[in-house]
């Protein structure tokens, strides 16, 4: 019987399990055995693995995380680790390896292809920073979780007349903060794609207070500023209580949304199509709502296209809200 390997690499994202089950079911349909490498690329390099079936994945289909475990493995940038991975690959006589992960996982998959392995990648990252695909598995759920958290916190902030600073995940990409800020009706959004100084953010909070907004909301993505220091500066500048909240891993947890489940199923089917057609060295991507296969080098070199229309929509809504408050005064 033919065999394929699967692994989940890097940070987990909701929908990984749905994608894994889809791949396993498709593999069984075409008489493939599936070997799961536990904990990501480290499991591949160390040959830590187990056979999995669709029955193993049954109870996890609608659950966040990865039932085969995921993780980062820093030494995997070295060729000796790729050679160890290739030895594992050959030992198990694999036809192909399917990797679920983000941008770093794609680069590692490209390196494994370079030493003679047949690899396919399914983009799974809440940050939505794999730019060859319109959306990655987990992003929609993470945004929903962030919006729910911000909406809940805003209720108590309004009641007590406090300024809210909510920090989302995203590393160096502002997609979560942009979408969550817009959908939670934030007054100020701070993202790396539209750099703003701390001084400007403080002035923007002051403008909101001046027009009668007693509880402005600032949504920003991580790794830009110290939000506790920003909260302190806002409090001292306006003699106004300001709370800084890191939403954190709440964004990674929970059951995937319908959108993420659908994307996971479609991309899982796409990954197995690549195996069946020996179409290796590709990232399974969503392009104009169609599943496409993008070669690793092209995927890695695809430039980020910031959604300027979405940003302008936020600015227009912000102007409208401010003008409306001024008119009421």
C-alpha atoms as a PDB file:
ATOM      1  CA  UNK A   1       0.000   0.000   0.000  1.00  0.00           C
ATOM      2  CA  UNK A   2       1.245   3.516  -0.811  1.00  0.00           C
ATOM      3  CA  UNK A   3       1.963   5.942   2.020  1.00  0.00           C
ATOM      4  CA  UNK A   4       1.938   9.682   2.605  1.00  0.00           C
ATOM      5  CA  UNK A   5       3.160  11.696   5.568  1.00  0.00           C
ATOM      6  CA  UNK A   6       1.428  14.639   7.254  1.00  0.00           C
ATOM      7  CA  UNK A   7       2.538  17.159   9.854  1.00  0.00           C
ATOM      8  CA  UNK A   8       1.402  20.459  11.344  1.00  0.00           C
ATOM      9  CA  UNK A   9       4.119  23.050  11.831  1.00  0.00           C
ATOM     10  CA  UNK A  10       4.486  26.310  13.752  1.00  0.00           C
ATOM     11  CA  UNK A  11       1.669  27.924  15.689  1.00  0.00           C
ATOM     12  CA  UNK A  12      -1.634  26.062  15.552  1.00  0.00           C
ATOM     13  CA  UNK A  13      -4.687  27.489  13.824  1.00  0.00           C
ATOM     14  CA  UNK A  14      -8.358  26.547  14.026  1.00  0.00           C
ATOM     15  CA  UNK A  15      -9.300  24.331  11.100  1.00  0.00           C
ATOM     16  CA  UNK A  16      -6.099  22.280  11.096  1.00  0.00           C
ATOM     17  CA  UNK A  17      -7.985  19.259  12.399  1.00  0.00           C
ATOM     18  CA  UNK A  18     -10.734  19.617   9.793  1.00  0.00           C
ATOM     19  CA  UNK A  19      -8.080  19.741   7.080  1.00  0.00           C
ATOM     20  CA  UNK A  20      -6.226  16.756   8.544  1.00  0.00           C
ATOM     21  CA  UNK A  21      -9.368  14.651   8.605  1.00  0.00           C
ATOM     22  CA  UNK A  22     -10.201  15.607   5.014  1.00  0.00           C
ATOM     23  CA  UNK A  23      -6.716  14.587   3.857  1.00  0.00           C
ATOM     24  CA  UNK A  24      -6.865  11.304   5.772  1.00  0.00           C
ATOM     25  CA  UNK A  25     -10.336  10.450   4.407  1.00  0.00           C
ATOM     26  CA  UNK A  26      -9.227  11.214   0.854  1.00  0.00           C
ATOM     27  CA  UNK A  27      -6.064   9.162   1.350  1.00  0.00           C
ATOM     28  CA  UNK A  28      -8.049   6.156   2.591  1.00  0.00           C
ATOM     29  CA  UNK A  29     -10.405   6.457  -0.367  1.00  0.00           C
ATOM     30  CA  UNK A  30      -7.442   6.046  -2.720  1.00  0.00           C
ATOM     31  CA  UNK A  31      -5.783   3.306  -0.633  1.00  0.00           C
ATOM     32  CA  UNK A  32      -3.014   5.354   0.958  1.00  0.00           C
ATOM     33  CA  UNK A  33      -1.797   4.822   4.492  1.00  0.00           C
ATOM     34  CA  UNK A  34      -1.130   8.027   6.435  1.00  0.00           C
ATOM     35  CA  UNK A  35       1.804   8.539   8.791  1.00  0.00           C
ATOM     36  CA  UNK A  36       1.586  11.569  11.088  1.00  0.00           C
ATOM     37  CA  UNK A  37       4.826  13.141  12.310  1.00  0.00           C
ATOM     38  CA  UNK A  38       4.175  14.344  15.833  1.00  0.00           C
ATOM     39  CA  UNK A  39       4.908  17.957  16.736  1.00  0.00           C
ATOM     40  CA  UNK A  40       5.877  19.272  13.307  1.00  0.00           C
ATOM     41  CA  UNK A  41       9.229  19.212  11.519  1.00  0.00           C
ATOM     42  CA  UNK A  42      10.963  17.999  14.684  1.00  0.00           C
ATOM     43  CA  UNK A  43       8.860  14.833  14.527  1.00  0.00           C
ATOM     44  CA  UNK A  44       9.988  14.336  10.932  1.00  0.00           C
ATOM     45  CA  UNK A  45      13.656  14.868  11.739  1.00  0.00           C
ATOM     46  CA  UNK A  46      13.497  12.636  14.841  1.00  0.00           C
ATOM     47  CA  UNK A  47      11.193  10.028  13.235  1.00  0.00           C
ATOM     48  CA  UNK A  48       8.552  10.496  15.908  1.00  0.00           C
ATOM     49  CA  UNK A  49       5.435   9.287  14.156  1.00  0.00           C
ATOM     50  CA  UNK A  50       2.337   7.114  14.193  1.00  0.00           C
ATOM     51  CA  UNK A  51      -0.161   5.764  11.712  1.00  0.00           C
ATOM     52  CA  UNK A  52      -3.474   7.645  11.729  1.00  0.00           C
ATOM     53  CA  UNK A  53      -6.893   6.909  10.293  1.00  0.00           C
ATOM     54  CA  UNK A  54     -10.039   8.946   9.761  1.00  0.00           C
ATOM     55  CA  UNK A  55     -11.408   7.289  12.904  1.00  0.00           C
ATOM     56  CA  UNK A  56      -8.541   8.847  14.898  1.00  0.00           C
ATOM     57  CA  UNK A  57      -9.504  12.259  13.530  1.00  0.00           C
ATOM     58  CA  UNK A  58     -13.292  11.884  13.946  1.00  0.00           C
ATOM     59  CA  UNK A  59     -13.693  13.586  17.317  1.00  0.00           C
ATOM     60  CA  UNK A  60     -11.383  16.469  16.376  1.00  0.00           C
ATOM     61  CA  UNK A  61     -13.004  17.675  13.151  1.00  0.00           C
ATOM     62  CA  UNK A  62     -14.746  20.653  14.796  1.00  0.00           C
ATOM     63  CA  UNK A  63     -12.082  21.332  17.418  1.00  0.00           C
ATOM     64  CA  UNK A  64      -9.253  23.882  17.353  1.00  0.00           C
ATOM     65  CA  UNK A  65      -5.583  22.928  17.609  1.00  0.00           C
ATOM     66  CA  UNK A  66      -3.965  19.908  15.979  1.00  0.00           C
ATOM     67  CA  UNK A  67      -4.539  16.363  17.198  1.00  0.00           C
ATOM     68  CA  UNK A  68      -1.092  15.352  15.866  1.00  0.00           C
ATOM     69  CA  UNK A  69       0.495  18.303  17.732  1.00  0.00           C
ATOM     70  CA  UNK A  70       2.399  21.207  16.234  1.00  0.00           C
ATOM     71  CA  UNK A  71       5.461  23.252  17.029  1.00  0.00           C
ATOM     72  CA  UNK A  72       8.463  25.200  15.816  1.00  0.00           C
ATOM     73  CA  UNK A  73      11.865  23.557  15.395  1.00  0.00           C
ATOM     74  CA  UNK A  74      14.666  26.132  15.167  1.00  0.00           C
ATOM     75  CA  UNK A  75      17.446  23.730  13.993  1.00  0.00           C
ATOM     76  CA  UNK A  76      15.478  22.967  10.816  1.00  0.00           C
ATOM     77  CA  UNK A  77      17.294  25.769   8.971  1.00  0.00           C
ATOM     78  CA  UNK A  78      20.368  23.484   8.786  1.00  0.00           C
ATOM     79  CA  UNK A  79      20.948  21.054   5.919  1.00  0.00           C
ATOM     80  CA  UNK A  80      21.845  18.215   8.282  1.00  0.00           C
ATOM     81  CA  UNK A  81      18.269  18.404   9.613  1.00  0.00           C
ATOM     82  CA  UNK A  82      16.863  18.240   6.064  1.00  0.00           C
ATOM     83  CA  UNK A  83      19.002  15.159   5.448  1.00  0.00           C
ATOM     84  CA  UNK A  84      17.651  13.556   8.618  1.00  0.00           C
ATOM     85  CA  UNK A  85      14.127  14.366   7.448  1.00  0.00           C
ATOM     86  CA  UNK A  86      14.872  12.808   4.062  1.00  0.00           C
ATOM     87  CA  UNK A  87      16.176   9.654   5.757  1.00  0.00           C
ATOM     88  CA  UNK A  88      12.884   9.395   7.685  1.00  0.00           C
ATOM     89  CA  UNK A  89      10.949  10.016   4.479  1.00  0.00           C
ATOM     90  CA  UNK A  90      12.803   7.199   2.704  1.00  0.00           C
ATOM     91  CA  UNK A  91      12.606   4.854   5.685  1.00  0.00           C
ATOM     92  CA  UNK A  92       8.807   4.978   5.571  1.00  0.00           C
ATOM     93  CA  UNK A  93       8.758   4.786   1.767  1.00  0.00           C
ATOM     94  CA  UNK A  94       6.541   7.872   1.474  1.00  0.00           C
ATOM     95  CA  UNK A  95       5.035   9.028  -1.815  1.00  0.00           C
ATOM     96  CA  UNK A  96       4.697  12.589  -0.509  1.00  0.00           C
ATOM     97  CA  UNK A  97       4.611  14.779   2.586  1.00  0.00           C
ATOM     98  CA  UNK A  98       1.756  17.223   3.249  1.00  0.00           C
ATOM     99  CA  UNK A  99       2.640  20.105   5.586  1.00  0.00           C
ATOM    100  CA  UNK A 100       0.084  22.335   7.308  1.00  0.00           C
ATOM    101  CA  UNK A 101       1.657  25.610   8.422  1.00  0.00           C
ATOM    102  CA  UNK A 102       2.576  29.216   7.743  1.00  0.00           C
ATOM    103  CA  UNK A 103       5.267  31.175   5.924  1.00  0.00           C
ATOM    104  CA  UNK A 104       8.172  29.567   7.776  1.00  0.00           C
ATOM    105  CA  UNK A 105       6.755  26.121   7.052  1.00  0.00           C
ATOM    106  CA  UNK A 106       6.661  26.914   3.327  1.00  0.00           C
ATOM    107  CA  UNK A 107      10.342  27.887   3.329  1.00  0.00           C
ATOM    108  CA  UNK A 108      11.220  24.651   5.107  1.00  0.00           C
ATOM    109  CA  UNK A 109       9.106  22.678   2.606  1.00  0.00           C
ATOM    110  CA  UNK A 110      10.994  24.386  -0.233  1.00  0.00           C
ATOM    111  CA  UNK A 111      14.277  23.268   1.353  1.00  0.00           C
ATOM    112  CA  UNK A 112      13.020  19.675   1.661  1.00  0.00           C
ATOM    113  CA  UNK A 113      12.010  19.735  -2.000  1.00  0.00           C
ATOM    114  CA  UNK A 114      15.567  20.776  -2.754  1.00  0.00           C
ATOM    115  CA  UNK A 115      16.934  17.562  -1.238  1.00  0.00           C
ATOM    116  CA  UNK A 116      14.548  15.382  -3.237  1.00  0.00           C
ATOM    117  CA  UNK A 117      11.331  15.089  -1.216  1.00  0.00           C
ATOM    118  CA  UNK A 118       7.808  15.453  -2.658  1.00  0.00           C
ATOM    119  CA  UNK A 119       6.167  18.119  -0.500  1.00  0.00           C
ATOM    120  CA  UNK A 120       2.863  20.024  -0.571  1.00  0.00           C
ATOM    121  CA  UNK A 121       1.857  22.818   1.829  1.00  0.00           C
ATOM    122  CA  UNK A 122      -1.582  23.861   3.072  1.00  0.00           C
ATOM    123  CA  UNK A 123      -1.440  27.418   4.528  1.00  0.00           C
ATOM    124  CA  UNK A 124      -2.614  27.378   8.139  1.00  0.00           C
ATOM    125  CA  UNK A 125      -1.926  30.553  10.112  1.00  0.00           C
ATOM    126  CA  UNK A 126      -4.184  32.913  12.026  1.00  0.00           C
ATOM    127  CA  UNK A 127      -2.006  35.866  10.944  1.00  0.00           C
ATOM    128  CA  UNK A 128      -3.067  35.555   7.273  1.00  0.00           C
ATOM    129  CA  UNK A 129       0.516  36.331   6.252  1.00  0.00           C
ATOM    130  CA  UNK A 130       0.895  33.727   3.493  1.00  0.00           C
ATOM    131  CA  UNK A 131       0.413  36.149   0.638  1.00  0.00           C
ATOM    132  CA  UNK A 132      -0.102  33.715  -2.242  1.00  0.00           C
ATOM    133  CA  UNK A 133      -3.521  32.865  -0.793  1.00  0.00           C
ATOM    134  CA  UNK A 134      -6.358  35.284  -0.173  1.00  0.00           C
ATOM    135  CA  UNK A 135      -7.098  33.630   3.161  1.00  0.00           C
ATOM    136  CA  UNK A 136      -5.305  31.060   5.310  1.00  0.00           C
ATOM    137  CA  UNK A 137      -6.961  28.468   7.526  1.00  0.00           C
ATOM    138  CA  UNK A 138      -7.595  29.890  11.001  1.00  0.00           C
ATOM    139  CA  UNK A 139      -7.699  33.585  10.128  1.00  0.00           C
ATOM    140  CA  UNK A 140     -11.495  33.901  10.090  1.00  0.00           C
ATOM    141  CA  UNK A 141     -11.848  32.206  13.494  1.00  0.00           C
ATOM    142  CA  UNK A 142      -9.090  34.329  15.020  1.00  0.00           C
ATOM    143  CA  UNK A 143     -10.774  37.530  13.826  1.00  0.00           C
ATOM    144  CA  UNK A 144     -14.139  36.346  15.186  1.00  0.00           C
ATOM    145  CA  UNK A 145     -12.533  35.565  18.551  1.00  0.00           C
ATOM    146  CA  UNK A 146     -10.831  38.958  18.647  1.00  0.00           C
ATOM    147  CA  UNK A 147     -14.053  40.803  17.775  1.00  0.00           C
ATOM    148  CA  UNK A 148     -16.021  38.918  20.433  1.00  0.00           C
ATOM    149  CA  UNK A 149     -13.382  39.737  23.052  1.00  0.00           C
ATOM    150  CA  UNK A 150     -13.210  43.426  22.139  1.00  0.00           C
ATOM    151  CA  UNK A 151     -17.006  43.748  22.062  1.00  0.00           C
ATOM    152  CA  UNK A 152     -17.266  42.169  25.519  1.00  0.00           C
ATOM    153  CA  UNK A 153     -14.568  44.383  27.009  1.00  0.00           C
ATOM    154  CA  UNK A 154     -16.087  47.518  25.447  1.00  0.00           C
ATOM    155  CA  UNK A 155     -19.288  46.963  27.409  1.00  0.00           C
ATOM    156  CA  UNK A 156     -17.563  47.437  30.746  1.00  0.00           C
ATOM    157  CA  UNK A 157     -15.300  50.196  29.410  1.00  0.00           C
ATOM    158  CA  UNK A 158     -18.353  52.216  28.335  1.00  0.00           C
ATOM    159  CA  UNK A 159     -20.067  51.653  31.666  1.00  0.00           C
ATOM    160  CA  UNK A 160     -17.062  53.007  33.555  1.00  0.00           C
ATOM    161  CA  UNK A 161     -16.023  55.653  31.025  1.00  0.00           C
ATOM    162  CA  UNK A 162     -12.593  54.180  30.340  1.00  0.00           C
ATOM    163  CA  UNK A 163     -10.363  54.223  27.284  1.00  0.00           C
ATOM    164  CA  UNK A 164      -9.629  50.748  25.888  1.00  0.00           C
ATOM    165  CA  UNK A 165      -6.446  49.618  24.165  1.00  0.00           C
ATOM    166  CA  UNK A 166      -6.815  46.087  22.758  1.00  0.00           C
ATOM    167  CA  UNK A 167      -3.784  44.306  21.293  1.00  0.00           C
ATOM    168  CA  UNK A 168      -4.308  41.510  18.777  1.00  0.00           C
ATOM    169  CA  UNK A 169      -1.879  38.934  17.426  1.00  0.00           C
ATOM    170  CA  UNK A 170      -0.451  39.117  13.910  1.00  0.00           C
ATOM    171  CA  UNK A 171       3.324  39.473  14.332  1.00  0.00           C
ATOM    172  CA  UNK A 172       4.366  41.914  11.586  1.00  0.00           C
ATOM    173  CA  UNK A 173       1.069  41.730   9.700  1.00  0.00           C
ATOM    174  CA  UNK A 174      -1.920  43.877  10.674  1.00  0.00           C
ATOM    175  CA  UNK A 175      -4.667  41.745   9.109  1.00  0.00           C
ATOM    176  CA  UNK A 176      -6.256  40.596  12.383  1.00  0.00           C
ATOM    177  CA  UNK A 177      -6.147  44.079  13.921  1.00  0.00           C
ATOM    178  CA  UNK A 178      -7.521  45.687  10.745  1.00  0.00           C
ATOM    179  CA  UNK A 179     -10.476  43.308  10.396  1.00  0.00           C
ATOM    180  CA  UNK A 180     -11.184  43.063  14.129  1.00  0.00           C
ATOM    181  CA  UNK A 181     -10.917  46.819  14.612  1.00  0.00           C
ATOM    182  CA  UNK A 182     -13.321  47.554  11.774  1.00  0.00           C
ATOM    183  CA  UNK A 183     -15.847  44.925  12.894  1.00  0.00           C
ATOM    184  CA  UNK A 184     -15.740  45.987  16.553  1.00  0.00           C
ATOM    185  CA  UNK A 185     -16.200  49.658  15.604  1.00  0.00           C
ATOM    186  CA  UNK A 186     -12.845  50.731  16.973  1.00  0.00           C
ATOM    187  CA  UNK A 187     -12.175  54.472  16.922  1.00  0.00           C
ATOM    188  CA  UNK A 188      -8.455  54.101  16.259  1.00  0.00           C
ATOM    189  CA  UNK A 189      -6.557  51.282  14.538  1.00  0.00           C
ATOM    190  CA  UNK A 190      -2.775  50.996  14.667  1.00  0.00           C
ATOM    191  CA  UNK A 191      -1.158  48.526  12.247  1.00  0.00           C
ATOM    192  CA  UNK A 192       2.363  48.215  10.789  1.00  0.00           C
ATOM    193  CA  UNK A 193       1.068  48.803   7.263  1.00  0.00           C
ATOM    194  CA  UNK A 194      -0.102  52.294   8.270  1.00  0.00           C
ATOM    195  CA  UNK A 195       2.548  53.442  10.706  1.00  0.00           C
ATOM    196  CA  UNK A 196       1.522  56.066  13.242  1.00  0.00           C
ATOM    197  CA  UNK A 197       3.495  57.557  16.085  1.00  0.00           C
ATOM    198  CA  UNK A 198       2.529  57.127  19.720  1.00  0.00           C
ATOM    199  CA  UNK A 199       2.010  60.876  19.857  1.00  0.00           C
ATOM    200  CA  UNK A 200      -0.512  60.711  17.028  1.00  0.00           C
ATOM    201  CA  UNK A 201      -2.452  57.912  18.730  1.00  0.00           C
ATOM    202  CA  UNK A 202      -2.615  59.965  21.913  1.00  0.00           C
ATOM    203  CA  UNK A 203      -3.869  62.979  19.937  1.00  0.00           C
ATOM    204  CA  UNK A 204      -6.495  60.797  18.228  1.00  0.00           C
ATOM    205  CA  UNK A 205      -7.762  59.652  21.629  1.00  0.00           C
ATOM    206  CA  UNK A 206      -7.967  63.317  22.645  1.00  0.00           C
ATOM    207  CA  UNK A 207     -10.040  64.135  19.561  1.00  0.00           C
ATOM    208  CA  UNK A 208     -12.484  61.375  20.426  1.00  0.00           C
ATOM    209  CA  UNK A 209     -12.843  62.637  23.993  1.00  0.00           C
ATOM    210  CA  UNK A 210     -13.329  66.199  22.716  1.00  0.00           C
ATOM    211  CA  UNK A 211     -16.299  65.255  20.525  1.00  0.00           C
ATOM    212  CA  UNK A 212     -18.003  63.463  23.403  1.00  0.00           C
ATOM    213  CA  UNK A 213     -16.817  59.880  23.000  1.00  0.00           C
ATOM    214  CA  UNK A 214     -16.336  59.054  26.666  1.00  0.00           C
ATOM    215  CA  UNK A 215     -14.817  55.626  26.007  1.00  0.00           C
ATOM    216  CA  UNK A 216     -12.625  55.522  22.856  1.00  0.00           C
ATOM    217  CA  UNK A 217     -11.367  52.145  21.636  1.00  0.00           C
ATOM    218  CA  UNK A 218      -7.884  51.630  20.194  1.00  0.00           C
ATOM    219  CA  UNK A 219      -7.151  48.322  18.426  1.00  0.00           C
ATOM    220  CA  UNK A 220      -3.564  47.588  17.462  1.00  0.00           C
ATOM    221  CA  UNK A 221      -1.464  44.624  16.390  1.00  0.00           C
ATOM    222  CA  UNK A 222       1.354  43.259  18.518  1.00  0.00           C
ATOM    223  CA  UNK A 223       5.084  44.094  18.371  1.00  0.00           C
ATOM    224  CA  UNK A 224       4.566  47.790  17.611  1.00  0.00           C
ATOM    225  CA  UNK A 225       4.593  49.523  20.990  1.00  0.00           C
ATOM    226  CA  UNK A 226       4.377  48.874  24.717  1.00  0.00           C
ATOM    227  CA  UNK A 227       0.614  49.121  25.263  1.00  0.00           C
ATOM    228  CA  UNK A 228       0.966  49.499  29.016  1.00  0.00           C
ATOM    229  CA  UNK A 229       3.200  52.529  28.521  1.00  0.00           C
ATOM    230  CA  UNK A 230       0.705  53.919  25.986  1.00  0.00           C
ATOM    231  CA  UNK A 231      -2.141  53.446  28.482  1.00  0.00           C
ATOM    232  CA  UNK A 232      -0.097  55.258  31.129  1.00  0.00           C
ATOM    233  CA  UNK A 233       0.584  58.187  28.788  1.00  0.00           C
ATOM    234  CA  UNK A 234      -3.085  58.485  27.802  1.00  0.00           C
ATOM    235  CA  UNK A 235      -4.149  58.413  31.465  1.00  0.00           C
ATOM    236  CA  UNK A 236      -1.641  61.123  32.415  1.00  0.00           C
ATOM    237  CA  UNK A 237      -2.406  63.318  29.374  1.00  0.00           C
ATOM    238  CA  UNK A 238      -6.183  63.381  29.792  1.00  0.00           C
ATOM    239  CA  UNK A 239      -6.609  62.453  33.466  1.00  0.00           C
ATOM    240  CA  UNK A 240      -8.656  59.537  32.173  1.00  0.00           C
ATOM    241  CA  UNK A 241      -8.498  55.889  33.171  1.00  0.00           C
ATOM    242  CA  UNK A 242      -7.161  53.732  30.341  1.00  0.00           C
ATOM    243  CA  UNK A 243      -6.983  49.945  30.262  1.00  0.00           C
ATOM    244  CA  UNK A 244      -4.540  47.972  28.093  1.00  0.00           C
ATOM    245  CA  UNK A 245      -5.677  44.437  27.236  1.00  0.00           C
ATOM    246  CA  UNK A 246      -3.661  41.788  25.385  1.00  0.00           C
ATOM    247  CA  UNK A 247      -6.214  39.465  23.799  1.00  0.00           C
ATOM    248  CA  UNK A 248      -3.502  36.860  23.191  1.00  0.00           C
ATOM    249  CA  UNK A 249      -4.102  33.153  22.764  1.00  0.00           C
ATOM    250  CA  UNK A 250      -7.875  33.492  22.996  1.00  0.00           C
ATOM    251  CA  UNK A 251      -7.522  34.175  19.276  1.00  0.00           C
ATOM    252  CA  UNK A 252      -5.965  30.738  18.627  1.00  0.00           C
ATOM    253  CA  UNK A 253      -8.468  28.683  20.600  1.00  0.00           C
ATOM    254  CA  UNK A 254     -12.014  27.523  20.110  1.00  0.00           C
ATOM    255  CA  UNK A 255     -13.861  25.725  17.361  1.00  0.00           C
ATOM    256  CA  UNK A 256     -13.279  26.869  13.766  1.00  0.00           C
ATOM    257  CA  UNK A 257     -15.917  28.979  12.062  1.00  0.00           C
ATOM    258  CA  UNK A 258     -17.907  27.639   9.122  1.00  0.00           C
ATOM    259  CA  UNK A 259     -15.674  29.677   6.796  1.00  0.00           C
ATOM    260  CA  UNK A 260     -12.533  28.056   8.198  1.00  0.00           C
ATOM    261  CA  UNK A 261     -14.066  24.581   8.050  1.00  0.00           C
ATOM    262  CA  UNK A 262     -15.046  25.060   4.426  1.00  0.00           C
ATOM    263  CA  UNK A 263     -11.588  26.350   3.542  1.00  0.00           C
ATOM    264  CA  UNK A 264      -9.965  23.460   5.425  1.00  0.00           C
ATOM    265  CA  UNK A 265     -12.061  20.909   3.533  1.00  0.00           C
ATOM    266  CA  UNK A 266     -11.387  22.516   0.140  1.00  0.00           C
ATOM    267  CA  UNK A 267      -7.661  22.834   0.763  1.00  0.00           C
ATOM    268  CA  UNK A 268      -7.453  19.282   2.128  1.00  0.00           C
ATOM    269  CA  UNK A 269      -9.044  17.970  -1.055  1.00  0.00           C
ATOM    270  CA  UNK A 270      -6.659  20.159  -3.065  1.00  0.00           C
ATOM    271  CA  UNK A 271      -3.637  18.746  -1.247  1.00  0.00           C
ATOM    272  CA  UNK A 272      -4.659  15.173  -2.036  1.00  0.00           C
ATOM    273  CA  UNK A 273      -5.322  16.154  -5.654  1.00  0.00           C
ATOM    274  CA  UNK A 274      -1.672  17.250  -5.796  1.00  0.00           C
ATOM    275  CA  UNK A 275      -0.594  13.849  -4.457  1.00  0.00           C
ATOM    276  CA  UNK A 276      -2.767  11.914  -6.894  1.00  0.00           C
ATOM    277  CA  UNK A 277      -1.511  13.980  -9.838  1.00  0.00           C
ATOM    278  CA  UNK A 278       2.097  14.109  -8.588  1.00  0.00           C
ATOM    279  CA  UNK A 279       1.867  17.878  -8.596  1.00  0.00           C
ATOM    280  CA  UNK A 280       4.487  18.498  -5.912  1.00  0.00           C
ATOM    281  CA  UNK A 281       6.271  21.604  -4.689  1.00  0.00           C
ATOM    282  CA  UNK A 282       3.106  23.696  -4.362  1.00  0.00           C
ATOM    283  CA  UNK A 283       1.163  25.703  -1.806  1.00  0.00           C
ATOM    284  CA  UNK A 284      -2.590  25.024  -1.968  1.00  0.00           C
ATOM    285  CA  UNK A 285      -4.046  28.530  -2.247  1.00  0.00           C
ATOM    286  CA  UNK A 286      -7.339  30.384  -2.458  1.00  0.00           C
ATOM    287  CA  UNK A 287      -7.178  32.736  -5.450  1.00  0.00           C
ATOM    288  CA  UNK A 288     -10.359  34.623  -6.405  1.00  0.00           C
ATOM    289  CA  UNK A 289     -12.383  32.020  -4.492  1.00  0.00           C
ATOM    290  CA  UNK A 290     -10.841  29.143  -6.477  1.00  0.00           C
ATOM    291  CA  UNK A 291      -8.331  26.589  -5.217  1.00  0.00           C
ATOM    292  CA  UNK A 292      -5.040  27.023  -7.078  1.00  0.00           C
ATOM    293  CA  UNK A 293      -1.583  25.505  -6.714  1.00  0.00           C
ATOM    294  CA  UNK A 294       1.265  28.006  -6.357  1.00  0.00           C
ATOM    295  CA  UNK A 295       4.920  26.816  -6.664  1.00  0.00           C
ATOM    296  CA  UNK A 296       6.998  27.303  -3.505  1.00  0.00           C
ATOM    297  CA  UNK A 297       9.346  29.968  -4.897  1.00  0.00           C
ATOM    298  CA  UNK A 298       6.464  32.007  -6.271  1.00  0.00           C
ATOM    299  CA  UNK A 299       4.574  31.642  -2.990  1.00  0.00           C
ATOM    300  CA  UNK A 300       7.592  32.755  -0.954  1.00  0.00           C
ATOM    301  CA  UNK A 301       8.225  35.752  -3.218  1.00  0.00           C
ATOM    302  CA  UNK A 302       4.599  36.909  -3.471  1.00  0.00           C
ATOM    303  CA  UNK A 303       4.429  40.459  -2.129  1.00  0.00           C
ATOM    304  CA  UNK A 304       1.885  41.578   0.426  1.00  0.00           C
ATOM    305  CA  UNK A 305      -0.982  43.581  -1.051  1.00  0.00           C
ATOM    306  CA  UNK A 306      -2.487  45.674   1.704  1.00  0.00           C
ATOM    307  CA  UNK A 307      -6.259  46.129   1.430  1.00  0.00           C
ATOM    308  CA  UNK A 308      -6.331  49.893   0.971  1.00  0.00           C
ATOM    309  CA  UNK A 309     -10.076  49.847   0.308  1.00  0.00           C
ATOM    310  CA  UNK A 310     -10.716  48.332   3.738  1.00  0.00           C
ATOM    311  CA  UNK A 311      -8.530  50.974   5.374  1.00  0.00           C
ATOM    312  CA  UNK A 312     -10.332  53.778   3.554  1.00  0.00           C
ATOM    313  CA  UNK A 313     -13.658  52.253   4.642  1.00  0.00           C
ATOM    314  CA  UNK A 314     -12.497  52.454   8.255  1.00  0.00           C
ATOM    315  CA  UNK A 315     -11.381  56.089   7.842  1.00  0.00           C
ATOM    316  CA  UNK A 316     -14.696  57.052   6.215  1.00  0.00           C
ATOM    317  CA  UNK A 317     -16.726  55.426   8.996  1.00  0.00           C
ATOM    318  CA  UNK A 318     -14.516  57.126  11.569  1.00  0.00           C
ATOM    319  CA  UNK A 319     -15.105  60.544   9.952  1.00  0.00           C
ATOM    320  CA  UNK A 320     -18.851  59.894   9.835  1.00  0.00           C
ATOM    321  CA  UNK A 321     -19.000  58.915  13.520  1.00  0.00           C
ATOM    322  CA  UNK A 322     -16.951  61.955  14.552  1.00  0.00           C
ATOM    323  CA  UNK A 323     -19.033  64.376  12.472  1.00  0.00           C
ATOM    324  CA  UNK A 324     -22.238  62.882  13.882  1.00  0.00           C
ATOM    325  CA  UNK A 325     -21.003  63.388  17.452  1.00  0.00           C
ATOM    326  CA  UNK A 326     -19.967  66.975  16.703  1.00  0.00           C
ATOM    327  CA  UNK A 327     -23.429  67.688  15.195  1.00  0.00           C
ATOM    328  CA  UNK A 328     -25.124  66.308  18.315  1.00  0.00           C
ATOM    329  CA  UNK A 329     -23.068  68.618  20.525  1.00  0.00           C
END
